[in-house]
N, C-alpha and C. Protein backbone atom coordinates (compact mmCIF):
# COMPACT_ATOMS: atom_id res chain seq x y z
N MET A 1 116.02 34.17 115.04
CA MET A 1 115.82 35.83 114.73
C MET A 1 116.88 36.53 115.49
N ARG A 2 117.18 37.64 115.00
CA ARG A 2 118.23 38.20 115.91
C ARG A 2 118.11 39.84 116.57
N PHE A 3 118.51 39.80 117.51
CA PHE A 3 117.58 40.91 118.55
C PHE A 3 119.46 41.81 118.64
N ALA A 4 118.88 43.14 119.01
CA ALA A 4 119.96 43.74 119.14
C ALA A 4 120.13 44.42 121.10
N LEU A 5 120.89 43.73 121.71
CA LEU A 5 120.29 44.00 122.97
C LEU A 5 121.51 45.48 123.45
N LEU A 6 120.59 46.63 123.90
CA LEU A 6 121.70 47.74 124.41
C LEU A 6 121.09 48.07 125.37
N ALA A 7 122.52 48.28 126.45
CA ALA A 7 122.11 48.16 127.30
C ALA A 7 123.29 48.66 127.95
N LYS A 8 122.83 50.04 128.68
CA LYS A 8 123.38 51.09 129.49
C LYS A 8 124.24 51.19 131.03
N ASP A 9 125.19 51.22 131.29
CA ASP A 9 125.13 51.23 132.97
C ASP A 9 124.92 52.25 133.51
N LYS A 10 124.68 51.43 134.95
CA LYS A 10 124.12 52.83 135.61
C LYS A 10 125.33 53.72 135.86
N THR A 11 125.48 54.97 136.25
CA THR A 11 126.50 55.82 136.79
C THR A 11 127.55 55.33 138.15
N GLY A 12 128.80 55.04 137.43
CA GLY A 12 129.34 54.82 138.60
C GLY A 12 129.41 53.57 139.13
N ALA A 13 129.17 52.86 137.88
CA ALA A 13 128.94 51.28 138.20
C ALA A 13 130.19 50.47 137.34
N LEU A 14 130.78 51.32 136.59
CA LEU A 14 132.36 50.30 136.58
C LEU A 14 133.06 49.18 137.21
N GLN A 15 133.12 49.25 138.61
CA GLN A 15 133.54 48.12 139.75
C GLN A 15 132.44 47.35 139.45
N THR A 16 131.14 47.29 139.63
CA THR A 16 130.36 46.67 139.10
C THR A 16 130.44 45.84 137.93
N ARG A 17 130.71 46.06 137.05
CA ARG A 17 131.47 45.65 135.36
C ARG A 17 132.25 44.88 135.45
N LEU A 18 133.20 45.21 135.98
CA LEU A 18 134.69 44.80 136.36
C LEU A 18 134.53 43.18 136.93
N ASP A 19 133.86 43.40 138.28
CA ASP A 19 133.20 42.52 139.25
C ASP A 19 132.92 41.31 138.49
N ASN A 20 132.51 41.45 137.78
CA ASN A 20 131.44 40.29 137.18
C ASN A 20 131.60 40.20 135.72
N ARG A 21 132.89 40.74 135.03
CA ARG A 21 133.03 40.30 133.93
C ARG A 21 133.24 39.34 133.65
N ASP A 22 133.71 37.94 134.15
CA ASP A 22 134.53 37.35 133.85
C ASP A 22 133.32 35.97 134.04
N ALA A 23 132.06 36.45 135.04
CA ALA A 23 130.98 35.36 134.92
C ALA A 23 130.32 35.61 133.79
N HIS A 24 130.14 37.50 133.21
CA HIS A 24 128.99 37.12 131.79
C HIS A 24 130.19 36.84 130.69
N LEU A 25 131.21 36.89 130.58
CA LEU A 25 131.89 36.48 129.66
C LEU A 25 131.69 34.79 129.30
N ALA A 26 131.80 33.77 130.23
CA ALA A 26 131.69 33.06 130.63
C ALA A 26 130.08 32.97 130.14
N TYR A 27 128.98 33.33 130.79
CA TYR A 27 127.73 33.13 130.27
C TYR A 27 127.66 33.32 128.71
N VAL A 28 128.12 34.18 128.00
CA VAL A 28 128.29 34.11 126.59
C VAL A 28 129.00 33.39 125.62
N ALA A 29 129.97 32.58 126.49
CA ALA A 29 130.54 31.00 125.74
C ALA A 29 129.55 30.32 125.85
N GLU A 30 129.19 29.98 127.07
CA GLU A 30 128.28 28.75 127.14
C GLU A 30 126.72 28.68 126.42
N THR A 31 126.66 30.01 126.67
CA THR A 31 124.60 30.28 125.74
C THR A 31 125.03 29.78 124.26
N GLY A 32 126.11 30.59 123.71
CA GLY A 32 126.27 30.12 122.28
C GLY A 32 124.99 30.44 121.14
N VAL A 33 124.85 31.92 121.72
CA VAL A 33 123.60 32.63 121.11
C VAL A 33 124.08 33.97 120.52
N VAL A 34 125.06 34.35 121.06
CA VAL A 34 125.65 35.58 120.99
C VAL A 34 126.30 35.53 119.79
N GLU A 35 125.78 36.51 118.95
CA GLU A 35 126.94 36.51 117.77
C GLU A 35 127.80 37.30 117.12
N ILE A 36 127.87 39.03 117.71
CA ILE A 36 128.99 39.70 118.46
C ILE A 36 128.92 40.38 119.22
N ALA A 37 129.12 41.05 119.91
CA ALA A 37 129.34 41.79 121.26
C ALA A 37 130.36 42.65 121.57
N GLY A 38 130.15 43.82 122.49
CA GLY A 38 131.18 44.26 123.01
C GLY A 38 130.55 45.44 123.47
N PRO A 39 131.73 45.94 124.57
CA PRO A 39 131.40 46.80 125.69
C PRO A 39 131.23 48.41 124.60
N LEU A 40 130.53 49.11 125.27
CA LEU A 40 130.41 50.67 125.39
C LEU A 40 131.02 51.69 125.67
N LEU A 41 131.53 52.37 125.08
CA LEU A 41 133.03 53.29 125.70
C LEU A 41 132.49 54.71 126.28
N ASP A 42 132.68 55.10 126.89
CA ASP A 42 132.33 56.80 127.24
C ASP A 42 133.63 57.30 126.52
N ALA A 43 133.94 58.62 127.26
CA ALA A 43 134.86 59.95 126.47
C ALA A 43 136.38 59.23 127.17
N ASP A 44 136.09 58.89 128.18
CA ASP A 44 137.39 58.77 128.47
C ASP A 44 137.73 56.54 127.65
N GLY A 45 137.12 56.79 127.34
CA GLY A 45 137.64 54.75 126.77
C GLY A 45 137.52 54.16 128.06
N GLN A 46 136.70 54.23 128.91
CA GLN A 46 136.28 53.45 129.87
C GLN A 46 134.75 52.74 129.66
N MET A 47 134.46 51.51 129.90
CA MET A 47 133.57 50.51 129.42
C MET A 47 132.06 51.22 130.24
N CYS A 48 131.16 50.93 129.81
CA CYS A 48 129.67 51.86 129.98
C CYS A 48 128.12 51.63 129.50
N GLY A 49 128.62 50.37 129.17
CA GLY A 49 127.56 49.95 128.16
C GLY A 49 127.46 48.25 127.78
N SER A 50 126.67 47.66 126.78
CA SER A 50 126.87 46.71 126.06
C SER A 50 126.12 47.06 124.73
N LEU A 51 126.73 46.27 124.06
CA LEU A 51 126.40 46.37 122.96
C LEU A 51 125.99 44.44 122.68
N ILE A 52 125.14 44.02 122.22
CA ILE A 52 124.84 42.38 122.20
C ILE A 52 124.11 41.90 120.88
N ILE A 53 124.69 41.02 119.89
CA ILE A 53 123.60 40.33 119.02
C ILE A 53 123.31 39.34 119.04
N LEU A 54 122.09 39.24 119.87
CA LEU A 54 121.91 37.42 119.91
C LEU A 54 120.83 36.94 118.91
N ASP A 55 121.29 35.78 118.30
CA ASP A 55 120.43 35.55 117.73
C ASP A 55 120.00 33.82 118.24
N VAL A 56 118.22 34.28 118.50
CA VAL A 56 117.48 33.48 119.18
C VAL A 56 116.28 33.17 118.72
N PRO A 57 115.17 32.21 119.25
CA PRO A 57 113.82 32.12 118.21
C PRO A 57 113.14 33.17 118.60
N ASP A 58 113.18 33.86 119.23
CA ASP A 58 112.01 34.93 119.61
C ASP A 58 112.41 35.87 120.56
N LEU A 59 111.41 36.78 121.07
CA LEU A 59 111.56 38.18 121.63
C LEU A 59 111.76 37.13 123.24
N ALA A 60 110.41 36.26 123.59
CA ALA A 60 110.89 35.87 125.09
C ALA A 60 112.03 35.28 125.36
N ALA A 61 112.91 34.60 124.11
CA ALA A 61 114.29 34.10 124.17
C ALA A 61 115.43 34.81 124.44
N ALA A 62 114.91 36.10 123.63
CA ALA A 62 116.21 37.32 123.81
C ALA A 62 115.93 37.92 125.59
N GLU A 63 114.80 38.08 125.55
CA GLU A 63 114.66 38.71 127.22
C GLU A 63 115.25 37.56 128.48
N ALA A 64 114.92 36.43 127.95
CA ALA A 64 114.94 35.62 129.22
C ALA A 64 116.86 35.23 129.18
N TRP A 65 117.38 35.67 127.96
CA TRP A 65 119.18 35.49 127.85
C TRP A 65 119.38 36.61 128.76
N ALA A 66 118.43 37.89 128.49
CA ALA A 66 119.42 39.06 129.07
C ALA A 66 118.96 38.99 130.45
N ALA A 67 117.80 38.34 131.05
CA ALA A 67 117.84 38.57 132.29
C ALA A 67 118.74 37.62 132.91
N ALA A 68 118.87 36.22 132.64
CA ALA A 68 119.89 35.61 133.22
C ALA A 68 121.68 36.07 132.71
N ASP A 69 121.60 36.93 132.58
CA ASP A 69 123.09 37.46 131.88
C ASP A 69 123.59 38.15 133.60
N PRO A 70 125.05 37.58 133.72
CA PRO A 70 125.30 37.53 135.09
C PRO A 70 125.54 39.47 135.63
N TYR A 71 125.56 40.15 134.44
CA TYR A 71 125.63 41.27 134.38
C TYR A 71 124.31 41.96 134.67
N ALA A 72 123.34 42.02 134.04
CA ALA A 72 121.43 41.82 135.13
C ALA A 72 122.12 41.77 136.48
N LYS A 73 121.82 40.35 136.82
CA LYS A 73 121.88 39.80 137.87
C LYS A 73 122.55 40.38 139.04
N ALA A 74 123.57 41.10 138.40
CA ALA A 74 124.17 42.10 139.70
C ALA A 74 123.61 43.60 140.03
N GLY A 75 122.97 43.80 138.82
CA GLY A 75 122.32 45.17 138.81
C GLY A 75 122.83 46.31 137.42
N LEU A 76 123.88 45.98 137.28
CA LEU A 76 124.74 46.70 136.28
C LEU A 76 123.68 47.99 135.46
N PHE A 77 122.97 47.52 135.32
CA PHE A 77 122.24 48.31 134.07
C PHE A 77 121.25 49.24 134.27
N GLY A 78 121.19 50.30 133.88
CA GLY A 78 120.17 51.43 134.26
C GLY A 78 119.10 51.64 133.32
N ASP A 79 119.89 51.05 131.87
CA ASP A 79 118.39 50.90 130.96
C ASP A 79 118.82 49.56 129.88
N VAL A 80 117.87 49.22 129.40
CA VAL A 80 118.09 47.74 128.54
C VAL A 80 116.83 48.36 127.13
N THR A 81 117.10 47.90 125.75
CA THR A 81 116.14 48.11 125.32
C THR A 81 116.99 46.45 123.95
N LEU A 82 115.64 46.34 124.35
CA LEU A 82 115.84 44.71 123.31
C LEU A 82 115.06 45.07 121.90
N SER A 83 115.90 44.81 120.58
CA SER A 83 115.14 45.37 119.34
C SER A 83 115.90 43.90 118.31
N ALA A 84 114.21 43.83 117.59
CA ALA A 84 114.57 43.36 116.56
C ALA A 84 115.43 43.42 115.78
N TRP A 85 116.30 42.57 115.26
CA TRP A 85 117.75 43.48 113.95
C TRP A 85 117.72 42.42 113.06
N LYS A 86 118.30 43.14 112.01
CA LYS A 86 118.24 42.17 110.71
C LYS A 86 119.92 43.19 110.29
N LYS A 87 120.67 41.50 109.81
CA LYS A 87 121.69 41.81 109.28
C LYS A 87 122.14 42.65 108.47
N VAL A 88 122.67 43.65 107.30
CA VAL A 88 122.51 43.70 105.96
C VAL A 88 123.79 43.52 105.51
N ILE A 89 124.66 43.60 106.35
CA ILE A 89 126.39 44.28 106.21
C ILE A 89 127.23 43.51 106.96
N GLY A 90 128.29 42.60 106.77
CA GLY A 90 129.23 41.74 107.16
C GLY A 90 129.02 40.61 107.73
């Protein structure tokens, strides 16, 4: 089952994102459940959040993945939403 994780960074948290980016990307690669992902950008082109499509068995697995993400552990996000998602195009 696919889930869309939409996470918005706390205001002024770009350095936290940069400091934890390598660990986050390693986690994405190691877990093998991310179908597609990338940062959200603000008006200046700076990273300010994440959009991640997870392919996991259920909502509990998506929540567990999100909680274990190094970005989440570092307190980067101010708001996180997990929603079931259906791929239609692509």
